[in-house]
Amino acid sequence: MTLLSWAGIVAIAAAFLLVAIAYRLLAPRSIRHADAEWFRGFHPERYQPMLRILDSSEFRFLARQPGVTRQLLRELRRRRIGVLNAYLRSMHSDFDRLQALGRVLIGAGLADRAMADALLQSKLTFTRVWWGLRLRLVLYRWGLAPVDASKLVNTLGSLDRTLRAPLGA
């Protein structure tokens, strides 16, 4: 193949990737039940354990304990990655619910253009940080990068506060 044909293939692949990303960002997702009762019971603090679940100091402490093997540490690491993935799925679902409630507030006239801007900004930030965390989690499995979920937890908390402000909650 010539250089031009490789460049064409790369350009087509890049265009396809951009379309897929745009679709993923803009396409409506099925959202589980999200209403005022759910919102009253929702607290972003439930995701605080994500900040500690892969804490390297715990693994270093355990490694020094008698009887703890490398295999045991690998298994613990694998299970904690599974728990973090479950948190990520739940958080994504809750984020989508908050976004839906924000759109309802705007539609009902209880929020202004600033709310719409905040929803879009939080969606862009959350998506970027969520995918970045997913990538770092893959690297973490290979021992190449630490995982810090604080930006994701903060983004969710910020959206929650934004939605509660017009309601006086």
C-alpha atoms as a PDB file:
ATOM      1  CA  MET A   1       0.000   0.000   0.000  1.00  0.00           C
ATOM      2  CA  THR A   2       1.122   3.490  -0.659  1.00  0.00           C
ATOM      3  CA  LEU A   3       1.539   6.208   1.899  1.00  0.00           C
ATOM      4  CA  LEU A   4      -1.589   7.910   0.605  1.00  0.00           C
ATOM      5  CA  SER A   5      -3.729   4.847   1.159  1.00  0.00           C
ATOM      6  CA  TRP A   6      -2.402   4.438   4.717  1.00  0.00           C
ATOM      7  CA  ALA A   7      -3.122   8.091   5.382  1.00  0.00           C
ATOM      8  CA  GLY A   8      -6.637   7.600   4.018  1.00  0.00           C
ATOM      9  CA  ILE A   9      -7.218   4.618   6.276  1.00  0.00           C
ATOM     10  CA  VAL A  10      -5.971   6.570   9.300  1.00  0.00           C
ATOM     11  CA  ALA A  11      -8.168   9.555   8.382  1.00  0.00           C
ATOM     12  CA  ILE A  12     -11.244   7.343   7.998  1.00  0.00           C
ATOM     13  CA  ALA A  13     -10.513   5.590  11.293  1.00  0.00           C
ATOM     14  CA  ALA A  14     -10.047   8.947  13.053  1.00  0.00           C
ATOM     15  CA  ALA A  15     -13.305  10.273  11.589  1.00  0.00           C
ATOM     16  CA  PHE A  16     -15.128   7.130  12.672  1.00  0.00           C
ATOM     17  CA  LEU A  17     -13.689   7.475  16.174  1.00  0.00           C
ATOM     18  CA  LEU A  18     -14.822  11.106  16.408  1.00  0.00           C
ATOM     19  CA  VAL A  19     -18.339  10.193  15.243  1.00  0.00           C
ATOM     20  CA  ALA A  20     -18.472   7.351  17.789  1.00  0.00           C
ATOM     21  CA  ILE A  21     -17.355   9.681  20.595  1.00  0.00           C
ATOM     22  CA  ALA A  22     -19.880  12.357  19.584  1.00  0.00           C
ATOM     23  CA  TYR A  23     -22.645   9.755  19.443  1.00  0.00           C
ATOM     24  CA  ARG A  24     -21.679   8.415  22.857  1.00  0.00           C
ATOM     25  CA  LEU A  25     -21.728  11.916  24.333  1.00  0.00           C
ATOM     26  CA  LEU A  26     -24.942  13.100  22.702  1.00  0.00           C
ATOM     27  CA  ALA A  27     -27.096   9.981  22.385  1.00  0.00           C
ATOM     28  CA  PRO A  28     -29.756   9.587  25.047  1.00  0.00           C
ATOM     29  CA  ARG A  29     -29.077   6.744  27.426  1.00  0.00           C
ATOM     30  CA  SER A  30     -31.691   4.720  29.175  1.00  0.00           C
ATOM     31  CA  ILE A  31     -31.954   6.154  32.648  1.00  0.00           C
ATOM     32  CA  ARG A  32     -33.178   4.254  35.602  1.00  0.00           C
ATOM     33  CA  HIS A  33     -35.812   5.766  37.838  1.00  0.00           C
ATOM     34  CA  ALA A  34     -34.907   9.346  38.774  1.00  0.00           C
ATOM     35  CA  ASP A  35     -37.426  11.427  40.669  1.00  0.00           C
ATOM     36  CA  ALA A  36     -37.628  13.778  43.653  1.00  0.00           C
ATOM     37  CA  GLU A  37     -37.665  10.883  46.118  1.00  0.00           C
ATOM     38  CA  TRP A  38     -34.531   9.389  44.598  1.00  0.00           C
ATOM     39  CA  PHE A  39     -32.888  12.833  44.582  1.00  0.00           C
ATOM     40  CA  ARG A  40     -33.682  13.388  48.270  1.00  0.00           C
ATOM     41  CA  GLY A  41     -32.013  10.089  49.115  1.00  0.00           C
ATOM     42  CA  PHE A  42     -29.004  10.599  46.857  1.00  0.00           C
ATOM     43  CA  HIS A  43     -25.742  11.626  48.494  1.00  0.00           C
ATOM     44  CA  PRO A  44     -22.491  11.822  46.507  1.00  0.00           C
ATOM     45  CA  GLU A  45     -20.619  10.898  49.694  1.00  0.00           C
ATOM     46  CA  ARG A  46     -21.576   7.284  49.014  1.00  0.00           C
ATOM     47  CA  TYR A  47     -18.703   7.273  46.527  1.00  0.00           C
ATOM     48  CA  GLN A  48     -16.045   8.314  49.053  1.00  0.00           C
ATOM     49  CA  PRO A  49     -14.753   4.711  49.435  1.00  0.00           C
ATOM     50  CA  MET A  50     -13.600   4.927  45.806  1.00  0.00           C
ATOM     51  CA  LEU A  51     -10.867   7.247  47.021  1.00  0.00           C
ATOM     52  CA  ARG A  52      -9.312   4.557  49.217  1.00  0.00           C
ATOM     53  CA  ILE A  53     -10.139   1.266  47.547  1.00  0.00           C
ATOM     54  CA  LEU A  54      -6.841   1.005  45.640  1.00  0.00           C
ATOM     55  CA  ASP A  55      -4.735   2.878  48.186  1.00  0.00           C
ATOM     56  CA  SER A  56      -1.167   1.653  47.759  1.00  0.00           C
ATOM     57  CA  SER A  57      -0.371   2.161  51.452  1.00  0.00           C
ATOM     58  CA  GLU A  58      -2.807  -0.627  52.355  1.00  0.00           C
ATOM     59  CA  PHE A  59      -1.130  -3.018  49.939  1.00  0.00           C
ATOM     60  CA  ARG A  60       2.330  -2.063  51.276  1.00  0.00           C
ATOM     61  CA  PHE A  61       1.118  -2.646  54.840  1.00  0.00           C
ATOM     62  CA  LEU A  62      -0.348  -6.041  53.952  1.00  0.00           C
ATOM     63  CA  ALA A  63       2.808  -7.067  52.089  1.00  0.00           C
ATOM     64  CA  ARG A  64       4.750  -6.712  55.351  1.00  0.00           C
ATOM     65  CA  GLN A  65       2.396  -8.966  57.302  1.00  0.00           C
ATOM     66  CA  PRO A  66       3.426 -12.563  58.055  1.00  0.00           C
ATOM     67  CA  GLY A  67       1.765 -15.151  55.840  1.00  0.00           C
ATOM     68  CA  VAL A  68       0.693 -12.700  53.146  1.00  0.00           C
ATOM     69  CA  THR A  69       1.790 -13.997  49.762  1.00  0.00           C
ATOM     70  CA  ARG A  70       2.120 -12.288  46.409  1.00  0.00           C
ATOM     71  CA  GLN A  71      -0.761 -14.409  45.183  1.00  0.00           C
ATOM     72  CA  LEU A  72      -2.972 -13.164  48.023  1.00  0.00           C
ATOM     73  CA  LEU A  73      -2.058  -9.555  47.213  1.00  0.00           C
ATOM     74  CA  ARG A  74      -2.782 -10.095  43.501  1.00  0.00           C
ATOM     75  CA  GLU A  75      -6.171 -11.590  44.352  1.00  0.00           C
ATOM     76  CA  LEU A  76      -7.006  -8.699  46.690  1.00  0.00           C
ATOM     77  CA  ARG A  77      -5.952  -6.225  44.010  1.00  0.00           C
ATOM     78  CA  ARG A  78      -8.091  -8.021  41.400  1.00  0.00           C
ATOM     79  CA  ARG A  79     -11.134  -8.019  43.657  1.00  0.00           C
ATOM     80  CA  ARG A  80     -10.744  -4.377  44.573  1.00  0.00           C
ATOM     81  CA  ILE A  81     -10.491  -3.468  40.895  1.00  0.00           C
ATOM     82  CA  GLY A  82     -13.792  -5.323  40.436  1.00  0.00           C
ATOM     83  CA  VAL A  83     -15.354  -3.330  43.276  1.00  0.00           C
ATOM     84  CA  LEU A  84     -14.072  -0.071  41.794  1.00  0.00           C
ATOM     85  CA  ASN A  85     -15.572  -1.018  38.426  1.00  0.00           C
ATOM     86  CA  ALA A  86     -18.921  -1.622  40.160  1.00  0.00           C
ATOM     87  CA  TYR A  87     -18.656   1.828  41.768  1.00  0.00           C
ATOM     88  CA  LEU A  88     -17.888   3.335  38.347  1.00  0.00           C
ATOM     89  CA  ARG A  89     -20.973   1.744  36.766  1.00  0.00           C
ATOM     90  CA  SER A  90     -23.162   2.924  39.625  1.00  0.00           C
ATOM     91  CA  MET A  91     -21.673   6.397  39.529  1.00  0.00           C
ATOM     92  CA  HIS A  92     -22.243   6.670  35.780  1.00  0.00           C
ATOM     93  CA  SER A  93     -25.874   5.686  36.287  1.00  0.00           C
ATOM     94  CA  ASP A  94     -26.312   8.239  39.077  1.00  0.00           C
ATOM     95  CA  PHE A  95     -24.638  10.910  36.966  1.00  0.00           C
ATOM     96  CA  ASP A  96     -27.089  10.213  34.144  1.00  0.00           C
ATOM     97  CA  ARG A  97     -29.968  10.500  36.613  1.00  0.00           C
ATOM     98  CA  LEU A  98     -28.683  13.857  37.845  1.00  0.00           C
ATOM     99  CA  GLN A  99     -28.364  15.060  34.256  1.00  0.00           C
ATOM    100  CA  ALA A 100     -31.957  13.990  33.557  1.00  0.00           C
ATOM    101  CA  LEU A 101     -33.200  15.796  36.665  1.00  0.00           C
ATOM    102  CA  GLY A 102     -31.320  18.910  35.581  1.00  0.00           C
ATOM    103  CA  ARG A 103     -33.060  18.818  32.212  1.00  0.00           C
ATOM    104  CA  VAL A 104     -36.403  18.465  34.019  1.00  0.00           C
ATOM    105  CA  LEU A 105     -35.611  21.528  36.164  1.00  0.00           C
ATOM    106  CA  ILE A 106     -34.806  23.531  33.030  1.00  0.00           C
ATOM    107  CA  GLY A 107     -37.937  22.298  31.261  1.00  0.00           C
ATOM    108  CA  ALA A 108     -40.089  23.196  34.257  1.00  0.00           C
ATOM    109  CA  GLY A 109     -38.672  26.719  34.351  1.00  0.00           C
ATOM    110  CA  LEU A 110     -37.016  26.169  37.730  1.00  0.00           C
ATOM    111  CA  ALA A 111     -33.527  26.735  36.340  1.00  0.00           C
ATOM    112  CA  ASP A 112     -31.992  29.154  33.866  1.00  0.00           C
ATOM    113  CA  ARG A 113     -29.465  29.102  31.050  1.00  0.00           C
ATOM    114  CA  ALA A 114     -26.640  28.901  33.581  1.00  0.00           C
ATOM    115  CA  MET A 115     -27.997  25.492  34.635  1.00  0.00           C
ATOM    116  CA  ALA A 116     -27.988  24.296  31.030  1.00  0.00           C
ATOM    117  CA  ASP A 117     -24.389  25.456  30.661  1.00  0.00           C
ATOM    118  CA  ALA A 118     -23.458  23.733  33.931  1.00  0.00           C
ATOM    119  CA  LEU A 119     -25.097  20.491  32.751  1.00  0.00           C
ATOM    120  CA  LEU A 120     -23.140  20.523  29.505  1.00  0.00           C
ATOM    121  CA  GLN A 121     -19.872  21.397  31.236  1.00  0.00           C
ATOM    122  CA  SER A 122     -20.363  18.678  33.859  1.00  0.00           C
ATOM    123  CA  LYS A 123     -21.170  16.136  31.133  1.00  0.00           C
ATOM    124  CA  LEU A 124     -17.992  16.971  29.233  1.00  0.00           C
ATOM    125  CA  THR A 125     -15.869  16.948  32.395  1.00  0.00           C
ATOM    126  CA  PHE A 126     -17.410  13.773  33.796  1.00  0.00           C
ATOM    127  CA  THR A 127     -17.022  11.917  30.497  1.00  0.00           C
ATOM    128  CA  ARG A 128     -13.390  12.987  30.089  1.00  0.00           C
ATOM    129  CA  VAL A 129     -12.466  12.146  33.683  1.00  0.00           C
ATOM    130  CA  TRP A 130     -14.470   8.875  33.683  1.00  0.00           C
ATOM    131  CA  TRP A 131     -12.705   7.588  30.556  1.00  0.00           C
ATOM    132  CA  GLY A 132      -9.352   8.791  31.879  1.00  0.00           C
ATOM    133  CA  LEU A 133      -9.957   6.851  35.066  1.00  0.00           C
ATOM    134  CA  ARG A 134     -10.921   3.762  33.068  1.00  0.00           C
ATOM    135  CA  LEU A 135      -7.650   4.026  31.153  1.00  0.00           C
ATOM    136  CA  ARG A 136      -5.636   4.494  34.347  1.00  0.00           C
ATOM    137  CA  LEU A 137      -7.378   1.445  35.781  1.00  0.00           C
ATOM    138  CA  VAL A 138      -6.097  -0.640  32.857  1.00  0.00           C
ATOM    139  CA  LEU A 139      -2.611   0.746  33.447  1.00  0.00           C
ATOM    140  CA  TYR A 140      -2.991   0.059  37.179  1.00  0.00           C
ATOM    141  CA  ARG A 141      -3.694  -3.610  36.451  1.00  0.00           C
ATOM    142  CA  TRP A 142      -0.316  -3.752  34.739  1.00  0.00           C
ATOM    143  CA  GLY A 143       1.345  -1.880  37.623  1.00  0.00           C
ATOM    144  CA  LEU A 144       2.016   1.198  35.492  1.00  0.00           C
ATOM    145  CA  ALA A 145      -0.091   3.959  37.058  1.00  0.00           C
ATOM    146  CA  PRO A 146      -1.893   4.857  40.272  1.00  0.00           C
ATOM    147  CA  VAL A 147      -5.647   5.393  40.282  1.00  0.00           C
ATOM    148  CA  ASP A 148      -7.139   8.558  41.763  1.00  0.00           C
ATOM    149  CA  ALA A 149     -10.924   8.870  41.629  1.00  0.00           C
ATOM    150  CA  SER A 150     -11.100  12.215  43.442  1.00  0.00           C
ATOM    151  CA  LYS A 151     -11.778  14.324  40.307  1.00  0.00           C
ATOM    152  CA  LEU A 152     -14.656  12.050  39.338  1.00  0.00           C
ATOM    153  CA  VAL A 153     -16.169  12.130  42.832  1.00  0.00           C
ATOM    154  CA  ASN A 154     -15.760  15.929  42.906  1.00  0.00           C
ATOM    155  CA  THR A 155     -17.450  16.304  39.496  1.00  0.00           C
ATOM    156  CA  LEU A 156     -20.451  14.293  40.685  1.00  0.00           C
ATOM    157  CA  GLY A 157     -20.627  16.304  43.917  1.00  0.00           C
ATOM    158  CA  SER A 158     -20.447  19.564  41.995  1.00  0.00           C
ATOM    159  CA  LEU A 159     -23.343  18.550  39.747  1.00  0.00           C
ATOM    160  CA  ASP A 160     -25.358  17.518  42.804  1.00  0.00           C
ATOM    161  CA  ARG A 161     -24.786  20.916  44.450  1.00  0.00           C
ATOM    162  CA  THR A 162     -25.672  22.712  41.200  1.00  0.00           C
ATOM    163  CA  LEU A 163     -29.007  20.889  41.025  1.00  0.00           C
ATOM    164  CA  ARG A 164     -29.837  21.450  44.693  1.00  0.00           C
ATOM    165  CA  ALA A 165     -29.192  25.221  44.564  1.00  0.00           C
ATOM    166  CA  PRO A 166     -32.391  26.258  42.713  1.00  0.00           C
ATOM    167  CA  LEU A 167     -34.431  23.942  44.920  1.00  0.00           C
ATOM    168  CA  GLY A 168     -33.015  25.360  48.147  1.00  0.00           C
ATOM    169  CA  ALA A 169     -32.089  21.785  49.124  1.00  0.00           C
END
